[in-house]
Amino acid sequence: DSLKTLEDRDYVTLDKRKLLPQAKGRLLSAFLESFFERYVEYDFTASLEEKLDEISDGKLAWKDVLRDFWKDFSGAVADIKELRVTDVLDALNEELAPLVFPAREDGSNPRICPKCGTGNLSLKLGKFGAFVGCSNYPECSFTRQLGDAANPNAENGNGEDGTKVLGKDPYTAEEITLRSGRFGPYV
């Protein structure tokens, strides 16, 4: 089921029969709209639907439709492969700015780093995916999860380095921390 796949991949969540886009889904959507615009336009998808109907009715050969599609699509993929990651991030920063950096009530710049006050926040790519980080890294370690625009001053886990101190171990007196890893949060 297509909706189950979207939910399993964290592109959307289902809430009372409503699909709510998640940060990962918004990022993918912005990428497709920026770099594969033709393939997400209404006219293209409507035309493809008609061709699929004609295939079902036996009026078109599916191999011909697939060959025509692949010829153009593979060229688009080859063009995108030539782009630098920074070019893609710049385009996504622009496309997602209203969602990732919402306007502030006081009118101040929402991209100014709340930790150092001089850096600019932008999308970054790390080993665990996209996140928001300060341009003054490594001097400033501010980061926040991509989907945390509602709390723009929050760092990952609310800690200096992306961790949250939960307390101290009563036996060793060492800090017990909540961290975020590739497979989600862990203690």
N, C-alpha and C. Protein backbone atom coordinates (compact mmCIF):
# COMPACT_ATOMS: atom_id res chain seq x y z
N ASP A 1 0.84 -1.18 0.00
CA ASP A 1 0.00 0.00 0.00
C ASP A 1 0.89 1.25 0.00
N SER A 2 0.63 2.17 -0.89
CA SER A 2 1.46 3.37 -1.06
C SER A 2 1.47 4.25 0.19
N LEU A 3 0.31 4.43 0.81
CA LEU A 3 0.24 5.29 2.00
C LEU A 3 1.03 4.69 3.15
N LYS A 4 1.00 3.38 3.28
CA LYS A 4 1.77 2.70 4.33
C LYS A 4 3.27 2.92 4.12
N THR A 5 3.71 2.86 2.86
CA THR A 5 5.12 3.10 2.54
C THR A 5 5.53 4.51 2.91
N LEU A 6 4.69 5.50 2.57
CA LEU A 6 4.98 6.89 2.92
C LEU A 6 5.09 7.07 4.43
N GLU A 7 4.20 6.39 5.15
CA GLU A 7 4.22 6.48 6.61
C GLU A 7 5.43 5.74 7.18
N ASP A 8 5.74 4.56 6.66
CA ASP A 8 6.88 3.78 7.14
C ASP A 8 8.20 4.51 6.94
N ARG A 9 8.29 5.31 5.89
CA ARG A 9 9.53 6.04 5.60
C ARG A 9 9.56 7.42 6.26
N ASP A 10 8.57 7.70 7.10
CA ASP A 10 8.48 8.97 7.84
C ASP A 10 8.34 10.20 6.95
N TYR A 11 7.70 10.03 5.78
CA TYR A 11 7.39 11.18 4.93
C TYR A 11 6.12 11.86 5.41
N VAL A 12 5.20 11.06 5.96
CA VAL A 12 3.93 11.58 6.48
C VAL A 12 3.55 10.79 7.73
N THR A 13 2.63 11.37 8.51
CA THR A 13 2.00 10.62 9.59
C THR A 13 0.50 10.70 9.36
N LEU A 14 -0.19 9.69 9.81
CA LEU A 14 -1.65 9.64 9.69
C LEU A 14 -2.24 10.05 11.03
N ASP A 15 -3.06 11.10 11.02
CA ASP A 15 -3.68 11.60 12.24
C ASP A 15 -5.16 11.82 11.97
N LYS A 16 -6.00 10.95 12.55
CA LYS A 16 -7.45 11.05 12.37
C LYS A 16 -7.82 11.14 10.89
N ARG A 17 -7.30 10.22 10.11
CA ARG A 17 -7.60 10.11 8.67
C ARG A 17 -7.05 11.28 7.85
N LYS A 18 -6.10 12.03 8.42
CA LYS A 18 -5.44 13.11 7.69
C LYS A 18 -3.97 12.75 7.54
N LEU A 19 -3.42 13.01 6.37
CA LEU A 19 -1.99 12.83 6.16
C LEU A 19 -1.28 14.14 6.49
N LEU A 20 -0.37 14.08 7.43
CA LEU A 20 0.39 15.26 7.83
C LEU A 20 1.83 15.11 7.35
N PRO A 21 2.32 16.03 6.53
CA PRO A 21 3.70 15.91 6.04
C PRO A 21 4.69 16.09 7.18
N GLN A 22 5.74 15.28 7.15
CA GLN A 22 6.81 15.37 8.13
C GLN A 22 8.01 16.07 7.49
N ALA A 23 8.99 16.42 8.29
CA ALA A 23 10.17 17.15 7.79
C ALA A 23 10.83 16.41 6.63
N LYS A 24 10.97 15.11 6.77
CA LYS A 24 11.61 14.31 5.72
C LYS A 24 10.79 14.37 4.42
N GLY A 25 9.47 14.32 4.54
CA GLY A 25 8.60 14.40 3.37
C GLY A 25 8.65 15.77 2.72
N ARG A 26 8.69 16.81 3.53
CA ARG A 26 8.79 18.18 2.98
C ARG A 26 10.12 18.37 2.25
N LEU A 27 11.18 17.80 2.81
CA LEU A 27 12.50 17.90 2.19
C LEU A 27 12.49 17.19 0.83
N LEU A 28 11.92 16.00 0.78
CA LEU A 28 11.85 15.26 -0.48
C LEU A 28 10.98 16.00 -1.49
N SER A 29 9.86 16.51 -1.04
CA SER A 29 8.96 17.26 -1.94
C SER A 29 9.66 18.49 -2.52
N ALA A 30 10.37 19.22 -1.68
CA ALA A 30 11.10 20.41 -2.15
C ALA A 30 12.19 20.02 -3.14
N PHE A 31 12.86 18.90 -2.88
CA PHE A 31 13.89 18.42 -3.80
C PHE A 31 13.28 18.09 -5.16
N LEU A 32 12.18 17.36 -5.15
CA LEU A 32 11.54 16.99 -6.41
C LEU A 32 11.02 18.22 -7.16
N GLU A 33 10.42 19.16 -6.44
CA GLU A 33 9.90 20.37 -7.08
C GLU A 33 11.03 21.24 -7.63
N SER A 34 12.19 21.20 -6.99
CA SER A 34 13.31 22.02 -7.44
C SER A 34 14.09 21.39 -8.59
N PHE A 35 14.22 20.07 -8.58
CA PHE A 35 15.12 19.42 -9.53
C PHE A 35 14.44 18.46 -10.51
N PHE A 36 13.21 18.09 -10.24
CA PHE A 36 12.46 17.22 -11.14
C PHE A 36 11.07 17.82 -11.37
N GLU A 37 11.05 19.12 -11.57
CA GLU A 37 9.80 19.88 -11.66
C GLU A 37 8.82 19.26 -12.66
N ARG A 38 9.31 18.89 -13.81
CA ARG A 38 8.44 18.36 -14.87
C ARG A 38 7.65 17.14 -14.38
N TYR A 39 8.28 16.31 -13.57
CA TYR A 39 7.67 15.04 -13.18
C TYR A 39 6.67 15.16 -12.03
N VAL A 40 6.58 16.31 -11.41
CA VAL A 40 5.59 16.51 -10.36
C VAL A 40 4.51 17.50 -10.77
N GLU A 41 4.58 17.99 -12.00
CA GLU A 41 3.56 18.92 -12.49
C GLU A 41 2.27 18.16 -12.80
N TYR A 42 1.16 18.85 -12.65
CA TYR A 42 -0.15 18.25 -12.87
C TYR A 42 -0.29 17.71 -14.29
N ASP A 43 0.10 18.49 -15.29
CA ASP A 43 -0.07 18.07 -16.68
C ASP A 43 0.70 16.79 -16.98
N PHE A 44 1.89 16.66 -16.42
CA PHE A 44 2.68 15.44 -16.66
C PHE A 44 1.99 14.23 -16.05
N THR A 45 1.57 14.35 -14.79
CA THR A 45 0.94 13.20 -14.13
C THR A 45 -0.39 12.86 -14.77
N ALA A 46 -1.14 13.87 -15.22
CA ALA A 46 -2.42 13.61 -15.91
C ALA A 46 -2.17 12.87 -17.22
N SER A 47 -1.16 13.30 -17.96
CA SER A 47 -0.82 12.65 -19.22
C SER A 47 -0.38 11.20 -18.99
N LEU A 48 0.40 10.99 -17.95
CA LEU A 48 0.84 9.64 -17.63
C LEU A 48 -0.34 8.75 -17.24
N GLU A 49 -1.29 9.31 -16.49
CA GLU A 49 -2.51 8.56 -16.13
C GLU A 49 -3.25 8.11 -17.38
N GLU A 50 -3.37 9.01 -18.35
CA GLU A 50 -4.05 8.67 -19.60
C GLU A 50 -3.31 7.54 -20.32
N LYS A 51 -2.00 7.62 -20.36
CA LYS A 51 -1.22 6.56 -21.01
C LYS A 51 -1.38 5.23 -20.28
N LEU A 52 -1.43 5.27 -18.96
CA LEU A 52 -1.64 4.03 -18.20
C LEU A 52 -3.01 3.44 -18.49
N ASP A 53 -4.01 4.30 -18.63
CA ASP A 53 -5.35 3.82 -19.00
C ASP A 53 -5.32 3.17 -20.38
N GLU A 54 -4.59 3.78 -21.31
CA GLU A 54 -4.48 3.23 -22.66
C GLU A 54 -3.73 1.90 -22.66
N ILE A 55 -2.77 1.76 -21.78
CA ILE A 55 -2.07 0.47 -21.64
C ILE A 55 -3.05 -0.57 -21.13
N SER A 56 -3.86 -0.21 -20.12
CA SER A 56 -4.87 -1.13 -19.58
C SER A 56 -5.87 -1.56 -20.63
N ASP A 57 -6.21 -0.63 -21.53
CA ASP A 57 -7.18 -0.93 -22.59
C ASP A 57 -6.55 -1.63 -23.78
N GLY A 58 -5.24 -1.86 -23.73
CA GLY A 58 -4.55 -2.53 -24.83
C GLY A 58 -4.27 -1.64 -26.02
N LYS A 59 -4.38 -0.32 -25.87
CA LYS A 59 -4.16 0.61 -26.98
C LYS A 59 -2.70 1.05 -27.09
N LEU A 60 -1.95 0.93 -26.00
CA LEU A 60 -0.53 1.30 -26.00
C LEU A 60 0.28 0.14 -25.43
N ALA A 61 1.50 0.00 -25.92
CA ALA A 61 2.41 -1.02 -25.39
C ALA A 61 3.17 -0.43 -24.20
N TRP A 62 3.16 -1.12 -23.08
CA TRP A 62 3.78 -0.60 -21.87
C TRP A 62 5.28 -0.38 -22.05
N LYS A 63 5.93 -1.22 -22.84
CA LYS A 63 7.37 -1.06 -23.06
C LYS A 63 7.68 0.26 -23.78
N ASP A 64 6.82 0.65 -24.71
CA ASP A 64 7.03 1.92 -25.43
C ASP A 64 6.89 3.11 -24.49
N VAL A 65 5.87 3.07 -23.64
CA VAL A 65 5.64 4.15 -22.68
C VAL A 65 6.81 4.24 -21.70
N LEU A 66 7.23 3.09 -21.21
CA LEU A 66 8.35 3.06 -20.27
C LEU A 66 9.64 3.54 -20.92
N ARG A 67 9.90 3.14 -22.16
CA ARG A 67 11.11 3.56 -22.88
C ARG A 67 11.11 5.08 -23.08
N ASP A 68 9.96 5.65 -23.48
CA ASP A 68 9.87 7.11 -23.67
C ASP A 68 10.10 7.85 -22.35
N PHE A 69 9.48 7.33 -21.30
CA PHE A 69 9.65 7.96 -19.98
C PHE A 69 11.12 7.90 -19.55
N TRP A 70 11.72 6.71 -19.66
CA TRP A 70 13.08 6.52 -19.16
C TRP A 70 14.10 7.35 -19.92
N LYS A 71 13.88 7.53 -21.21
CA LYS A 71 14.82 8.31 -22.02
C LYS A 71 14.97 9.73 -21.44
N ASP A 72 13.87 10.39 -21.16
CA ASP A 72 13.91 11.74 -20.60
C ASP A 72 14.33 11.75 -19.13
N PHE A 73 13.78 10.81 -18.37
CA PHE A 73 14.03 10.79 -16.93
C PHE A 73 15.50 10.49 -16.63
N SER A 74 16.10 9.54 -17.34
CA SER A 74 17.50 9.21 -17.08
C SER A 74 18.41 10.39 -17.40
N GLY A 75 18.03 11.20 -18.39
CA GLY A 75 18.79 12.42 -18.68
C GLY A 75 18.70 13.41 -17.54
N ALA A 76 17.50 13.54 -16.96
CA ALA A 76 17.32 14.45 -15.82
C ALA A 76 18.13 13.97 -14.62
N VAL A 77 18.14 12.67 -14.38
CA VAL A 77 18.92 12.11 -13.27
C VAL A 77 20.41 12.36 -13.49
N ALA A 78 20.87 12.18 -14.71
CA ALA A 78 22.29 12.42 -15.02
C ALA A 78 22.66 13.88 -14.77
N ASP A 79 21.76 14.81 -15.11
CA ASP A 79 22.02 16.23 -14.86
C ASP A 79 22.13 16.51 -13.36
N ILE A 80 21.25 15.91 -12.58
CA ILE A 80 21.24 16.13 -11.13
C ILE A 80 22.50 15.55 -10.50
N LYS A 81 22.96 14.42 -10.99
CA LYS A 81 24.17 13.80 -10.44
C LYS A 81 25.38 14.71 -10.58
N GLU A 82 25.36 15.60 -11.55
CA GLU A 82 26.48 16.51 -11.77
C GLU A 82 26.51 17.67 -10.77
N LEU A 83 25.40 17.91 -10.08
CA LEU A 83 25.34 19.02 -9.13
C LEU A 83 26.16 18.71 -7.88
N ARG A 84 26.71 19.75 -7.28
CA ARG A 84 27.38 19.61 -6.00
C ARG A 84 26.31 19.59 -4.90
N VAL A 85 26.61 18.93 -3.81
CA VAL A 85 25.68 18.85 -2.68
C VAL A 85 25.33 20.26 -2.20
N THR A 86 26.30 21.17 -2.20
CA THR A 86 26.03 22.54 -1.74
C THR A 86 25.01 23.24 -2.64
N ASP A 87 25.02 22.94 -3.94
CA ASP A 87 24.03 23.52 -4.85
C ASP A 87 22.62 23.04 -4.49
N VAL A 88 22.52 21.77 -4.18
CA VAL A 88 21.23 21.19 -3.80
C VAL A 88 20.77 21.80 -2.48
N LEU A 89 21.67 21.87 -1.49
CA LEU A 89 21.30 22.45 -0.19
C LEU A 89 20.90 23.91 -0.32
N ASP A 90 21.59 24.67 -1.16
CA ASP A 90 21.21 26.07 -1.38
C ASP A 90 19.80 26.18 -1.93
N ALA A 91 19.47 25.34 -2.90
CA ALA A 91 18.13 25.36 -3.49
C ALA A 91 17.07 24.96 -2.46
N LEU A 92 17.37 23.95 -1.65
CA LEU A 92 16.41 23.51 -0.63
C LEU A 92 16.28 24.55 0.48
N ASN A 93 17.38 25.23 0.83
CA ASN A 93 17.31 26.32 1.81
C ASN A 93 16.32 27.38 1.35
N GLU A 94 16.39 27.71 0.08
CA GLU A 94 15.50 28.73 -0.49
C GLU A 94 14.05 28.25 -0.52
N GLU A 95 13.85 27.02 -1.01
CA GLU A 95 12.51 26.46 -1.16
C GLU A 95 11.82 26.26 0.19
N LEU A 96 12.56 25.82 1.18
CA LEU A 96 11.97 25.48 2.48
C LEU A 96 12.07 26.60 3.51
N ALA A 97 12.62 27.74 3.15
CA ALA A 97 12.83 28.84 4.10
C ALA A 97 11.59 29.18 4.92
N PRO A 98 10.40 29.33 4.31
CA PRO A 98 9.23 29.69 5.13
C PRO A 98 8.87 28.63 6.17
N LEU A 99 9.18 27.37 5.90
CA LEU A 99 8.86 26.31 6.85
C LEU A 99 9.96 26.11 7.89
N VAL A 100 11.20 26.16 7.45
CA VAL A 100 12.33 25.89 8.34
C VAL A 100 12.70 27.12 9.17
N PHE A 101 12.53 28.30 8.58
CA PHE A 101 12.87 29.56 9.25
C PHE A 101 11.67 30.49 9.23
N PRO A 102 10.60 30.15 9.97
CA PRO A 102 9.39 30.98 9.93
C PRO A 102 9.65 32.39 10.47
N ALA A 103 8.88 33.34 9.95
CA ALA A 103 9.01 34.74 10.39
C ALA A 103 8.76 34.83 11.90
N ARG A 104 9.51 35.70 12.54
CA ARG A 104 9.35 35.90 13.98
C ARG A 104 8.40 37.06 14.23
N GLU A 105 7.69 37.00 15.33
CA GLU A 105 6.73 38.05 15.68
C GLU A 105 7.39 39.40 15.84
N ASP A 106 8.63 39.42 16.34
CA ASP A 106 9.32 40.69 16.57
C ASP A 106 9.99 41.23 15.30
N GLY A 107 9.89 40.49 14.20
CA GLY A 107 10.45 40.94 12.93
C GLY A 107 11.94 40.69 12.77
N SER A 108 12.58 40.08 13.77
CA SER A 108 14.02 39.82 13.66
C SER A 108 14.28 38.69 12.66
N ASN A 109 15.50 38.61 12.21
CA ASN A 109 15.90 37.62 11.21
C ASN A 109 15.84 36.21 11.81
N PRO A 110 15.00 35.33 11.28
CA PRO A 110 14.87 33.99 11.84
C PRO A 110 16.07 33.09 11.55
N ARG A 111 16.99 33.55 10.70
CA ARG A 111 18.16 32.74 10.38
C ARG A 111 19.37 33.06 11.26
N ILE A 112 19.26 34.08 12.12
CA ILE A 112 20.38 34.39 13.02
C ILE A 112 20.44 33.31 14.10
N CYS A 113 21.62 32.80 14.32
CA CYS A 113 21.82 31.73 15.30
C CYS A 113 21.47 32.21 16.71
N PRO A 114 20.58 31.50 17.42
CA PRO A 114 20.21 31.92 18.77
C PRO A 114 21.30 31.67 19.80
N LYS A 115 22.29 30.87 19.45
CA LYS A 115 23.35 30.55 20.41
C LYS A 115 24.48 31.57 20.35
N CYS A 116 25.04 31.83 19.16
CA CYS A 116 26.18 32.75 19.07
C CYS A 116 25.77 34.16 18.65
N GLY A 117 24.60 34.30 18.04
CA GLY A 117 24.09 35.61 17.66
C GLY A 117 24.70 36.22 16.41
N THR A 118 25.70 35.57 15.83
CA THR A 118 26.34 36.13 14.63
C THR A 118 26.26 35.21 13.43
N GLY A 119 26.12 33.92 13.65
CA GLY A 119 26.06 32.96 12.55
C GLY A 119 24.69 32.93 11.89
N ASN A 120 24.66 32.40 10.69
CA ASN A 120 23.39 32.22 9.97
C ASN A 120 23.02 30.75 9.96
N LEU A 121 21.76 30.48 10.23
CA LEU A 121 21.27 29.10 10.21
C LEU A 121 20.95 28.70 8.78
N SER A 122 21.27 27.45 8.46
CA SER A 122 20.94 26.91 7.15
C SER A 122 20.86 25.40 7.24
N LEU A 123 20.31 24.79 6.19
CA LEU A 123 20.26 23.34 6.13
C LEU A 123 21.66 22.79 5.96
N LYS A 124 21.94 21.73 6.66
CA LYS A 124 23.21 21.02 6.58
C LYS A 124 22.89 19.55 6.37
N LEU A 125 23.87 18.82 5.91
CA LEU A 125 23.70 17.39 5.71
C LEU A 125 24.72 16.65 6.55
N GLY A 126 24.23 15.76 7.40
CA GLY A 126 25.11 14.97 8.25
C GLY A 126 24.91 13.49 7.99
N LYS A 127 25.61 12.67 8.75
CA LYS A 127 25.52 11.23 8.52
C LYS A 127 24.14 10.67 8.87
N PHE A 128 23.35 11.42 9.64
CA PHE A 128 22.02 10.96 9.99
C PHE A 128 20.93 11.70 9.21
N GLY A 129 21.32 12.47 8.20
CA GLY A 129 20.35 13.18 7.38
C GLY A 129 20.47 14.68 7.53
N ALA A 130 19.44 15.38 7.06
CA ALA A 130 19.45 16.85 7.07
C ALA A 130 19.13 17.39 8.45
N PHE A 131 19.73 18.54 8.77
CA PHE A 131 19.47 19.24 10.02
C PHE A 131 19.76 20.72 9.79
N VAL A 132 19.43 21.54 10.77
CA VAL A 132 19.72 22.98 10.72
C VAL A 132 20.94 23.23 11.59
N GLY A 133 21.91 23.97 11.05
CA GLY A 133 23.13 24.25 11.80
C GLY A 133 23.61 25.67 11.58
N CYS A 134 24.52 26.10 12.42
CA CYS A 134 25.08 27.45 12.38
C CYS A 134 26.25 27.52 11.41
N SER A 135 26.35 28.64 10.69
CA SER A 135 27.45 28.85 9.75
C SER A 135 28.79 29.05 10.46
N ASN A 136 28.78 29.30 11.77
CA ASN A 136 30.02 29.50 12.52
C ASN A 136 30.59 28.21 13.10
N TYR A 137 30.09 27.06 12.64
CA TYR A 137 30.64 25.79 13.09
C TYR A 137 32.10 25.71 12.65
N PRO A 138 33.04 25.26 13.43
CA PRO A 138 32.93 24.55 14.70
C PRO A 138 32.95 25.45 15.94
N GLU A 139 33.16 26.77 15.75
CA GLU A 139 33.16 27.66 16.92
C GLU A 139 31.81 27.64 17.62
N CYS A 140 30.73 27.54 16.86
CA CYS A 140 29.38 27.47 17.42
C CYS A 140 28.80 26.10 17.06
N SER A 141 28.33 25.38 18.06
CA SER A 141 27.84 24.02 17.83
C SER A 141 26.32 23.92 17.75
N PHE A 142 25.64 25.06 17.54
CA PHE A 142 24.18 25.03 17.51
C PHE A 142 23.67 24.16 16.36
N THR A 143 22.77 23.25 16.69
CA THR A 143 22.04 22.46 15.69
C THR A 143 20.62 22.26 16.19
N ARG A 144 19.73 21.98 15.26
CA ARG A 144 18.39 21.56 15.65
C ARG A 144 17.87 20.62 14.58
N GLN A 145 16.97 19.79 14.98
CA GLN A 145 16.37 18.86 14.04
C GLN A 145 15.59 19.63 13.00
N LEU A 146 15.53 19.10 11.81
CA LEU A 146 14.85 19.77 10.71
C LEU A 146 13.39 20.06 11.02
N GLY A 147 12.71 19.17 11.68
CA GLY A 147 11.29 19.35 11.94
C GLY A 147 10.98 20.18 13.16
N ASP A 148 11.95 20.85 13.76
CA ASP A 148 11.73 21.57 15.01
C ASP A 148 11.61 23.08 14.80
N ALA A 149 10.97 23.51 13.70
CA ALA A 149 10.81 24.94 13.44
C ALA A 149 9.88 25.59 14.45
N ALA A 150 9.02 24.79 15.08
CA ALA A 150 8.12 25.35 16.09
C ALA A 150 8.88 25.84 17.31
N ASN A 151 10.06 25.29 17.53
CA ASN A 151 10.90 25.69 18.66
C ASN A 151 12.28 26.02 18.12
N PRO A 152 12.42 27.15 17.39
CA PRO A 152 13.65 27.43 16.67
C PRO A 152 14.89 27.62 17.52
N ASN A 153 14.74 27.87 18.81
CA ASN A 153 15.92 28.04 19.66
C ASN A 153 16.38 26.72 20.28
N ALA A 154 15.60 25.66 20.07
CA ALA A 154 15.93 24.37 20.67
C ALA A 154 17.03 23.68 19.89
N GLU A 155 18.00 23.19 20.62
CA GLU A 155 19.03 22.36 20.01
C GLU A 155 18.56 20.92 20.11
N ASN A 156 19.20 20.03 19.38
CA ASN A 156 18.86 18.61 19.47
C ASN A 156 18.93 18.19 20.93
N GLY A 157 17.81 17.71 21.47
CA GLY A 157 17.79 17.25 22.84
C GLY A 157 17.99 18.35 23.85
N ASN A 158 18.03 19.60 23.44
CA ASN A 158 18.19 20.77 24.31
C ASN A 158 19.56 20.86 24.97
N GLY A 159 20.56 20.15 24.48
CA GLY A 159 21.88 20.19 25.10
C GLY A 159 22.89 20.89 24.23
N GLU A 160 24.04 21.19 24.81
CA GLU A 160 25.11 21.89 24.08
C GLU A 160 25.53 21.14 22.83
N ASP A 161 25.72 19.84 22.96
CA ASP A 161 26.23 19.08 21.83
C ASP A 161 25.18 18.11 21.28
N GLY A 162 23.92 18.44 21.44
CA GLY A 162 22.86 17.58 20.93
C GLY A 162 22.44 16.52 21.92
N THR A 163 22.82 16.66 23.19
CA THR A 163 22.42 15.69 24.19
C THR A 163 21.59 16.37 25.26
N LYS A 164 20.80 15.58 25.96
CA LYS A 164 20.02 16.10 27.08
C LYS A 164 20.42 15.29 28.32
N VAL A 165 20.81 15.98 29.36
CA VAL A 165 21.18 15.31 30.60
C VAL A 165 19.91 14.95 31.34
N LEU A 166 19.75 13.65 31.62
CA LEU A 166 18.56 13.16 32.30
C LEU A 166 18.76 13.09 33.81
N GLY A 167 20.00 12.97 34.23
CA GLY A 167 20.29 12.86 35.66
C GLY A 167 21.64 12.20 35.85
N LYS A 168 21.88 11.73 37.08
CA LYS A 168 23.15 11.07 37.39
C LYS A 168 22.88 9.64 37.84
N ASP A 169 23.79 8.76 37.44
CA ASP A 169 23.72 7.37 37.88
C ASP A 169 24.02 7.34 39.37
N PRO A 170 23.13 6.75 40.19
CA PRO A 170 23.35 6.78 41.64
C PRO A 170 24.57 5.97 42.09
N TYR A 171 25.04 5.05 41.26
CA TYR A 171 26.17 4.21 41.65
C TYR A 171 27.51 4.78 41.18
N THR A 172 27.53 5.36 39.97
CA THR A 172 28.81 5.85 39.42
C THR A 172 28.92 7.37 39.44
N ALA A 173 27.82 8.06 39.67
CA ALA A 173 27.74 9.53 39.67
C ALA A 173 28.01 10.12 38.27
N GLU A 174 28.00 9.26 37.24
CA GLU A 174 28.16 9.76 35.88
C GLU A 174 26.81 10.23 35.35
N GLU A 175 26.88 11.20 34.42
CA GLU A 175 25.65 11.73 33.83
C GLU A 175 24.99 10.68 32.94
N ILE A 176 23.67 10.63 33.02
CA ILE A 176 22.87 9.80 32.11
C ILE A 176 22.30 10.77 31.09
N THR A 177 22.57 10.50 29.81
CA THR A 177 22.16 11.45 28.77
C THR A 177 21.26 10.79 27.73
N LEU A 178 20.43 11.62 27.13
CA LEU A 178 19.61 11.21 25.99
C LEU A 178 20.28 11.78 24.76
N ARG A 179 20.58 10.92 23.81
CA ARG A 179 21.23 11.34 22.56
C ARG A 179 20.40 10.87 21.38
N SER A 180 20.68 11.47 20.24
CA SER A 180 19.99 11.08 19.02
C SER A 180 20.98 10.44 18.08
N GLY A 181 20.64 9.26 17.60
CA GLY A 181 21.51 8.54 16.67
C GLY A 181 20.78 8.19 15.39
N ARG A 182 21.45 7.43 14.56
CA ARG A 182 20.90 7.07 13.26
C ARG A 182 19.58 6.32 13.39
N PHE A 183 19.41 5.55 14.46
CA PHE A 183 18.20 4.77 14.64
C PHE A 183 17.23 5.42 15.63
N GLY A 184 17.45 6.69 15.93
CA GLY A 184 16.56 7.42 16.82
C GLY A 184 17.22 7.72 18.15
N PRO A 185 16.42 8.16 19.12
CA PRO A 185 16.98 8.53 20.42
C PRO A 185 17.44 7.30 21.21
N TYR A 186 18.47 7.51 22.03
CA TYR A 186 18.95 6.44 22.91
C TYR A 186 19.53 7.07 24.17
N VAL A 187 19.62 6.27 25.25
CA VAL A 187 20.13 6.72 26.54
C VAL A 187 21.55 6.23 26.70
